[in-house]
Amino acid sequence: MSFPEIPYEAVNFFATAIVLDDFRAQGRDAAHPLVSFIEPGFFLGVMELEADCFLLLGLVSPIRRARNEVLSMVTTVGRPEHLQSTCDLILQVPLMTLERVKDQLCLIADLLLETRVKKEDILFMDVYTSMVQDPSCLEERLFEQRESAEPHPSMDFEMSLCEAVEHGNRAQLEQRLNTPVSGRVGRMSSDALRQEKYIFIVLATVTARAAIRGGLSEETVLNLSDLYCQRMDFLSEPALIKELSIRMLLDYCDRVGELRHKPAASGLIRQCLAYISVHLHEDITLEQLSGVCGLCTRSLSLRFRDEMGISIRDYLNQERINEAKYLLRHTGYPLSQIAAYLNYSSQSYFTRLFQKQCGMTPSQYRENIG
């Protein structure tokens, strides 16, 4: 039986038998369910209800999958005459993380079996776990690498990228990006698109840390990293992901470079700068900043101008316009939405400030960089 009810047998008997064989082979029982990982990124929960009676939860994925990915997977387990309809069904299933799958299994056990199943008693089994536990598999991969005589790229490449970002040195970064790299990138997926996405996430992680070491606030960098990864997830061509990775590196590098050219600030003013960076989309008042650093409003205003060479109001507008430039470059948000995000009273006011600082309107800026 299935819910929602399927008026046909979607999966062939042998595919189901393999799943149940894995369940038994791992020594699972009613109190110890199993979650399997199935390429290209689906979870399947298995729970024993009674002798020879099992509940299968899934297939579910934590992210929205392309139709061709789902169809390719279904082809290996589904009945040929129902491939398209089974594919449509899976695409309509709500997204679900591994933790959510475990939560659902615990809930089902509580409702159907009146048994408390602990999440830590649910085994998660995937191909990677099997490879790590099997030394012969790792030895085989090492043998293949020695035979190919093509090792991974040197750590010097990664270190040089991070060094350029950390010091805000755009020239060094561009030179390193244009220098051929020997070796091959490790294969993390047999799918070219997914491989490029994995590489992007690794690159975003290591260079974000470099940007933080370079002086950018942690919150700013983490938000940037999230935005870039979200944008990457919508791309469907490896070449576009490579292009975005270069833009991300240059963005990190330029932001660190701009920061290093700003006047050095005392600890109290740096607290204000960090607060502004985190709350840039909110209404920031002089009284709030005064509370952050412990100075009265007048003393703060005088000290801020003395150290930064600019008033607090002008600094806020400058940072918001810089954020607007980023949103114009990397998102498709309309101008009205960007103005609202940055807490401007109206789109026309935002446009006037932008034109005053950049010498062009936001629309012109977007067209020029597009």
Protein backbone atom coordinates (compact mmCIF):
# COMPACT_ATOMS: atom_id res chain seq x y z
CA MET A 1 0.00 0.00 0.00
CA SER A 2 1.13 3.58 -0.50
CA PHE A 3 0.17 7.06 0.56
CA PRO A 4 -0.80 8.94 -1.46
CA GLU A 5 -2.28 5.93 -3.20
CA ILE A 6 -0.59 4.94 -6.47
CA PRO A 7 -2.84 3.00 -8.84
CA TYR A 8 0.10 1.02 -10.20
CA GLU A 9 3.24 -0.74 -9.04
CA ALA A 10 5.81 2.05 -9.43
CA VAL A 11 8.95 0.19 -8.34
CA ASN A 12 9.90 -3.28 -9.45
CA PHE A 13 10.03 -6.07 -6.89
CA PHE A 14 13.79 -6.60 -7.12
CA ALA A 15 14.56 -2.97 -6.18
CA THR A 16 12.41 -3.31 -3.05
CA ALA A 17 14.00 -6.65 -2.19
CA ILE A 18 17.50 -5.12 -2.34
CA VAL A 19 16.48 -2.37 0.10
CA LEU A 20 15.05 -4.92 2.55
CA ASP A 21 18.13 -7.13 2.19
CA ASP A 22 20.27 -4.14 3.22
CA PHE A 23 18.00 -3.61 6.22
CA ARG A 24 18.46 -7.21 7.38
CA ALA A 25 22.18 -7.25 6.58
CA GLN A 26 22.73 -4.29 8.91
CA GLY A 27 20.95 -6.08 11.76
CA ARG A 28 18.11 -3.58 11.93
CA ASP A 29 14.78 -4.23 13.67
CA ALA A 30 11.59 -2.40 14.71
CA ALA A 31 13.43 -0.22 17.24
CA HIS A 32 16.34 0.50 14.90
CA PRO A 33 15.22 1.88 11.49
CA LEU A 34 17.54 2.53 8.56
CA VAL A 35 17.95 5.49 6.21
CA SER A 36 19.72 4.78 2.92
CA PHE A 37 21.32 7.35 0.62
CA ILE A 38 20.48 6.86 -3.03
CA GLU A 39 22.17 8.73 -5.88
CA PRO A 40 21.80 11.48 -7.00
CA GLY A 41 20.87 12.61 -3.49
CA PHE A 42 17.71 10.98 -2.15
CA PHE A 43 16.90 9.46 1.23
CA LEU A 44 14.87 6.30 1.77
CA GLY A 45 13.75 5.40 5.28
CA VAL A 46 13.05 1.75 6.15
CA MET A 47 11.18 0.66 9.28
CA GLU A 48 10.02 -2.82 10.31
CA LEU A 49 6.44 -2.77 11.57
CA GLU A 50 6.11 -6.49 12.25
CA ALA A 51 7.51 -9.75 10.86
CA ASP A 52 7.83 -9.40 7.04
CA CYS A 53 5.93 -6.11 7.09
CA PHE A 54 7.96 -2.96 6.36
CA LEU A 55 7.32 0.72 5.89
CA LEU A 56 9.34 2.64 3.29
CA LEU A 57 9.54 6.43 3.67
CA GLY A 58 10.64 8.20 0.50
CA LEU A 59 12.19 8.74 -1.87
CA VAL A 60 12.78 12.29 -0.62
CA SER A 61 15.50 14.87 -1.23
CA PRO A 62 16.67 17.93 0.73
CA ILE A 63 16.87 20.04 -2.45
CA ARG A 64 14.78 20.36 -5.58
CA ARG A 65 16.12 18.01 -8.27
CA ALA A 66 16.06 18.47 -12.02
CA ARG A 67 13.65 16.22 -13.88
CA ASN A 68 16.44 14.51 -15.83
CA GLU A 69 18.19 13.58 -12.56
CA VAL A 70 15.04 12.02 -11.13
CA LEU A 71 14.22 10.24 -14.37
CA SER A 72 17.74 8.79 -14.56
CA MET A 73 17.39 7.39 -11.04
CA VAL A 74 13.87 6.05 -11.60
CA THR A 75 15.04 4.27 -14.75
CA THR A 76 17.21 1.96 -12.63
CA VAL A 77 14.46 0.91 -10.20
CA GLY A 78 11.08 1.69 -11.75
CA ARG A 79 8.82 -0.29 -14.01
CA PRO A 80 9.37 0.87 -17.62
CA GLU A 81 5.71 1.55 -18.38
CA HIS A 82 5.39 3.94 -15.41
CA LEU A 83 8.69 5.85 -15.50
CA GLN A 84 7.24 9.23 -16.44
CA SER A 85 4.38 9.12 -13.93
CA THR A 86 6.70 7.91 -11.15
CA CYS A 87 9.09 10.73 -11.97
CA ASP A 88 6.23 13.26 -11.75
CA LEU A 89 5.20 11.83 -8.38
CA ILE A 90 8.71 12.14 -6.88
CA LEU A 91 9.03 15.72 -8.12
CA GLN A 92 5.88 16.63 -6.18
CA VAL A 93 7.10 15.20 -2.87
CA PRO A 94 7.98 17.90 -0.28
CA LEU A 95 11.68 18.53 0.35
CA MET A 96 13.05 16.75 3.38
CA THR A 97 16.47 16.80 5.09
CA LEU A 98 18.06 13.75 6.70
CA GLU A 99 17.10 15.06 10.16
CA ARG A 100 13.49 15.48 9.01
CA VAL A 101 13.42 11.91 7.69
CA LYS A 102 14.59 10.66 11.08
CA ASP A 103 11.96 12.80 12.81
CA GLN A 104 9.26 11.28 10.61
CA LEU A 105 10.41 7.73 11.36
CA CYS A 106 10.31 8.46 15.10
CA LEU A 107 6.81 9.90 14.76
CA ILE A 108 5.58 6.92 12.74
CA ALA A 109 6.99 4.50 15.31
CA ASP A 110 5.21 6.41 18.06
CA LEU A 111 1.87 6.43 16.20
CA LEU A 112 1.81 2.95 14.67
CA LEU A 113 3.89 0.89 17.10
CA GLU A 114 3.49 2.97 20.27
CA THR A 115 7.27 2.64 20.55
CA ARG A 116 9.79 5.36 21.28
CA VAL A 117 12.58 5.27 18.70
CA LYS A 118 15.63 7.42 19.40
CA LYS A 119 17.12 9.34 16.47
CA GLU A 120 20.60 8.12 17.43
CA ASP A 121 19.35 4.53 16.94
CA ILE A 122 18.51 5.20 13.28
CA LEU A 123 21.38 4.08 11.07
CA PHE A 124 22.31 6.27 8.09
CA MET A 125 24.01 4.21 5.40
CA ASP A 126 25.59 5.60 2.26
CA VAL A 127 28.30 4.69 -0.24
CA TYR A 128 30.89 6.92 1.45
CA THR A 129 30.47 5.14 4.80
CA SER A 130 30.96 1.78 3.12
CA MET A 131 34.12 3.00 1.36
CA VAL A 132 35.68 4.32 4.58
CA GLN A 133 34.94 1.08 6.42
CA ASP A 134 36.44 -1.01 3.62
CA PRO A 135 40.24 -0.50 3.44
CA SER A 136 40.46 -2.43 0.18
CA CYS A 137 38.27 0.18 -1.52
CA LEU A 138 40.60 3.00 -0.49
CA GLU A 139 43.65 1.01 -1.56
CA GLU A 140 42.05 0.45 -4.95
CA ARG A 141 41.55 4.20 -5.40
CA LEU A 142 45.15 4.90 -4.42
CA PHE A 143 46.34 2.29 -6.93
CA GLU A 144 44.26 3.91 -9.69
CA GLN A 145 45.76 7.30 -8.87
CA ARG A 146 49.31 5.96 -9.01
CA GLU A 147 48.59 4.29 -12.33
CA SER A 148 47.17 7.48 -13.84
CA ALA A 149 50.27 9.43 -12.71
CA GLU A 150 48.06 12.51 -12.31
CA PRO A 151 47.96 13.63 -8.65
CA HIS A 152 45.68 16.26 -7.11
CA PRO A 153 46.68 19.93 -7.50
CA SER A 154 49.29 21.20 -5.07
CA MET A 155 48.13 22.88 -1.87
CA ASP A 156 50.13 25.90 -3.07
CA PHE A 157 47.29 26.81 -5.44
CA GLU A 158 44.69 26.98 -2.68
CA MET A 159 47.09 28.79 -0.34
CA SER A 160 47.95 31.41 -2.97
CA LEU A 161 44.25 32.12 -3.63
CA CYS A 162 43.58 32.51 0.08
CA GLU A 163 46.65 34.71 0.53
CA ALA A 164 45.51 37.07 -2.23
CA VAL A 165 42.00 37.31 -0.75
CA GLU A 166 43.31 37.78 2.79
CA HIS A 167 45.49 40.72 1.70
CA GLY A 168 42.95 42.19 -0.71
CA ASN A 169 45.48 41.89 -3.55
CA ARG A 170 43.40 41.74 -6.74
CA ALA A 171 46.45 41.73 -9.06
CA GLN A 172 47.92 38.69 -7.29
CA LEU A 173 44.57 36.93 -7.38
CA GLU A 174 44.03 37.55 -11.11
CA GLN A 175 47.57 36.39 -11.88
CA ARG A 176 47.02 33.14 -9.94
CA LEU A 177 43.66 32.51 -11.60
CA ASN A 178 45.24 32.95 -15.04
CA THR A 179 48.14 30.58 -14.28
CA PRO A 180 47.60 26.97 -15.46
CA VAL A 181 47.33 24.46 -12.63
CA SER A 182 48.82 20.98 -12.93
CA GLY A 183 47.00 17.92 -11.59
CA ARG A 184 43.35 17.00 -11.50
CA VAL A 185 40.65 18.03 -9.09
CA GLY A 186 39.42 15.13 -6.97
CA ARG A 187 36.29 13.45 -8.30
CA MET A 188 33.51 14.01 -5.79
CA SER A 189 30.68 13.05 -8.14
CA SER A 190 30.28 11.22 -11.43
CA ASP A 191 27.90 13.98 -12.54
CA ALA A 192 29.76 16.96 -14.08
CA LEU A 193 27.31 19.57 -12.80
CA ARG A 194 27.24 18.24 -9.26
CA GLN A 195 31.04 17.93 -9.28
CA GLU A 196 31.35 21.64 -10.13
CA LYS A 197 28.87 22.55 -7.39
CA TYR A 198 30.86 20.60 -4.81
CA ILE A 199 34.06 22.37 -5.89
CA PHE A 200 32.29 25.72 -5.58
CA ILE A 201 31.17 25.02 -2.00
CA VAL A 202 34.71 23.98 -0.98
CA LEU A 203 36.14 27.13 -2.59
CA ALA A 204 33.51 29.33 -0.92
CA THR A 205 34.38 27.85 2.47
CA VAL A 206 38.17 28.26 2.37
CA THR A 207 38.14 31.74 0.79
CA ALA A 208 35.45 32.99 3.19
CA ARG A 209 37.80 32.16 6.05
CA ALA A 210 40.56 34.05 4.26
CA ALA A 211 38.30 37.11 3.93
CA ILE A 212 37.53 36.98 7.67
CA ARG A 213 41.26 36.81 8.43
CA GLY A 214 41.64 39.82 6.13
CA GLY A 215 39.41 41.88 8.38
CA LEU A 216 35.87 41.56 7.01
CA SER A 217 33.27 40.99 9.70
CA GLU A 218 32.33 37.34 10.16
CA GLU A 219 28.63 38.07 9.70
CA THR A 220 29.23 39.93 6.42
CA VAL A 221 31.36 37.11 5.01
CA LEU A 222 28.97 34.34 6.05
CA ASN A 223 26.02 36.20 4.53
CA LEU A 224 27.98 36.68 1.30
CA SER A 225 28.90 33.01 1.24
CA ASP A 226 25.25 32.03 1.71
CA LEU A 227 24.14 34.32 -1.12
CA TYR A 228 26.75 32.99 -3.53
CA CYS A 229 25.92 29.36 -2.70
CA GLN A 230 22.21 30.03 -3.17
CA ARG A 231 22.88 31.66 -6.54
CA MET A 232 25.12 28.74 -7.55
CA ASP A 233 22.39 26.25 -6.70
CA PHE A 234 20.16 27.75 -9.41
CA LEU A 235 22.78 27.36 -12.16
CA SER A 236 22.53 24.39 -14.49
CA GLU A 237 25.80 24.58 -16.46
CA PRO A 238 29.32 23.86 -15.09
CA ALA A 239 30.79 26.79 -17.06
CA LEU A 240 28.42 29.25 -15.35
CA ILE A 241 29.40 27.90 -11.93
CA LYS A 242 33.10 28.38 -12.74
CA GLU A 243 32.38 31.93 -13.82
CA LEU A 244 30.48 32.62 -10.59
CA SER A 245 33.34 31.20 -8.50
CA ILE A 246 35.75 33.71 -10.05
CA ARG A 247 33.33 36.57 -9.41
CA MET A 248 33.01 35.42 -5.79
CA LEU A 249 36.78 35.37 -5.28
CA LEU A 250 37.18 38.84 -6.80
CA ASP A 251 34.33 40.15 -4.66
CA TYR A 252 35.89 38.85 -1.45
CA CYS A 253 39.27 40.24 -2.50
CA ASP A 254 37.92 43.70 -3.44
CA ARG A 255 35.99 44.01 -0.19
CA VAL A 256 39.09 43.21 1.86
CA GLY A 257 41.10 45.65 -0.28
CA GLU A 258 38.57 48.44 0.28
CA LEU A 259 38.59 47.75 4.01
CA ARG A 260 42.37 47.98 4.21
CA HIS A 261 42.32 51.40 2.54
CA LYS A 262 39.95 52.77 5.17
CA PRO A 263 41.44 54.67 8.13
CA ALA A 264 42.38 52.50 11.09
CA ALA A 265 39.66 52.58 13.76
CA SER A 266 39.81 52.16 17.52
CA GLY A 267 38.12 49.28 19.30
CA LEU A 268 35.03 51.35 20.14
CA ILE A 269 34.52 52.49 16.54
CA ARG A 270 35.15 48.96 15.25
CA GLN A 271 32.25 47.82 17.45
CA CYS A 272 30.04 50.38 15.69
CA LEU A 273 31.27 49.26 12.27
CA ALA A 274 30.52 45.62 13.11
CA TYR A 275 27.04 46.54 14.34
CA ILE A 276 26.35 48.52 11.15
CA SER A 277 27.54 45.60 9.00
CA VAL A 278 25.18 43.14 10.73
CA HIS A 279 22.15 45.48 10.86
CA LEU A 280 22.60 47.22 7.52
CA HIS A 281 19.06 46.31 6.42
CA GLU A 282 17.53 47.85 9.55
CA ASP A 283 16.87 51.37 10.79
CA ILE A 284 20.11 52.20 12.62
CA THR A 285 19.96 55.20 14.96
CA LEU A 286 22.70 57.19 16.63
CA GLU A 287 21.23 56.19 20.00
CA GLN A 288 21.61 52.49 19.14
CA LEU A 289 25.26 52.94 18.16
CA SER A 290 25.83 54.98 21.30
CA GLY A 291 24.57 52.03 23.35
CA VAL A 292 26.84 49.63 21.47
CA CYS A 293 30.08 51.48 22.20
CA GLY A 294 29.20 53.17 25.51
CA LEU A 295 29.72 56.78 24.37
CA CYS A 296 27.18 59.57 24.43
CA THR A 297 25.77 60.48 21.03
CA ARG A 298 27.78 63.70 20.69
CA SER A 299 31.09 62.08 21.67
CA LEU A 300 30.43 59.19 19.32
CA SER A 301 29.64 61.50 16.38
CA LEU A 302 32.83 63.52 16.91
CA ARG A 303 35.04 60.47 17.44
CA PHE A 304 33.57 58.62 14.45
CA ARG A 305 34.23 61.57 12.12
CA ASP A 306 37.70 62.05 13.54
CA GLU A 307 38.70 58.38 13.01
CA MET A 308 36.79 57.56 9.84
CA GLY A 309 36.91 60.93 8.11
CA ILE A 310 33.17 60.77 7.45
CA SER A 311 29.96 61.26 9.41
CA ILE A 312 27.97 58.28 10.68
CA ARG A 313 25.06 59.19 8.40
CA ASP A 314 27.28 59.38 5.32
CA TYR A 315 29.03 56.12 6.28
CA LEU A 316 25.66 54.36 6.57
CA ASN A 317 24.62 55.56 3.13
CA GLN A 318 27.99 54.59 1.68
CA GLU A 319 27.75 51.04 3.03
CA ARG A 320 24.13 50.68 1.90
CA ILE A 321 25.01 51.84 -1.61
CA ASN A 322 27.89 49.32 -1.68
CA GLU A 323 25.41 46.63 -0.66
CA ALA A 324 23.02 47.85 -3.35
CA LYS A 325 25.79 47.53 -5.96
CA TYR A 326 26.32 43.93 -4.90
CA LEU A 327 22.59 43.17 -5.16
CA LEU A 328 22.42 44.85 -8.57
CA ARG A 329 25.37 42.78 -9.80
CA HIS A 330 24.39 39.39 -8.45
CA THR A 331 20.59 39.30 -8.10
CA GLY A 332 17.56 40.09 -10.19
CA TYR A 333 15.76 41.95 -7.39
CA PRO A 334 13.76 44.97 -8.64
CA LEU A 335 14.91 48.43 -7.51
CA SER A 336 11.90 48.86 -5.24
CA GLN A 337 12.79 45.65 -3.38
CA ILE A 338 16.47 46.64 -3.03
CA ALA A 339 15.44 50.05 -1.67
CA ALA A 340 13.15 48.35 0.86
CA TYR A 341 15.84 45.84 1.86
CA LEU A 342 18.24 48.70 2.61
CA ASN A 343 15.61 50.54 4.63
CA TYR A 344 15.26 53.55 2.32
CA SER A 345 11.96 55.40 2.55
CA SER A 346 11.34 55.25 -1.21
CA GLN A 347 12.84 54.03 -4.47
CA SER A 348 13.27 57.62 -5.70
CA TYR A 349 15.28 58.57 -2.59
CA PHE A 350 17.44 55.48 -3.02
CA THR A 351 18.01 56.36 -6.69
CA ARG A 352 19.09 59.94 -5.83
CA LEU A 353 21.60 58.73 -3.25
CA PHE A 354 22.93 56.04 -5.58
CA GLN A 355 23.38 58.50 -8.45
CA LYS A 356 25.12 61.00 -6.16
CA GLN A 357 27.65 58.38 -4.99
CA CYS A 358 28.14 56.41 -8.23
CA GLY A 359 27.49 58.98 -10.95
CA MET A 360 24.73 56.88 -12.51
CA THR A 361 21.33 55.50 -11.63
CA PRO A 362 20.91 51.96 -10.27
CA SER A 363 19.34 50.90 -13.59
CA GLN A 364 22.30 52.25 -15.56
CA TYR A 365 24.72 50.51 -13.17
CA ARG A 366 22.95 47.16 -13.64
CA GLU A 367 22.99 47.57 -17.44
CA ASN A 368 26.68 48.49 -17.52
CA ILE A 369 27.85 45.56 -15.41
CA GLY A 370 25.44 43.12 -17.13
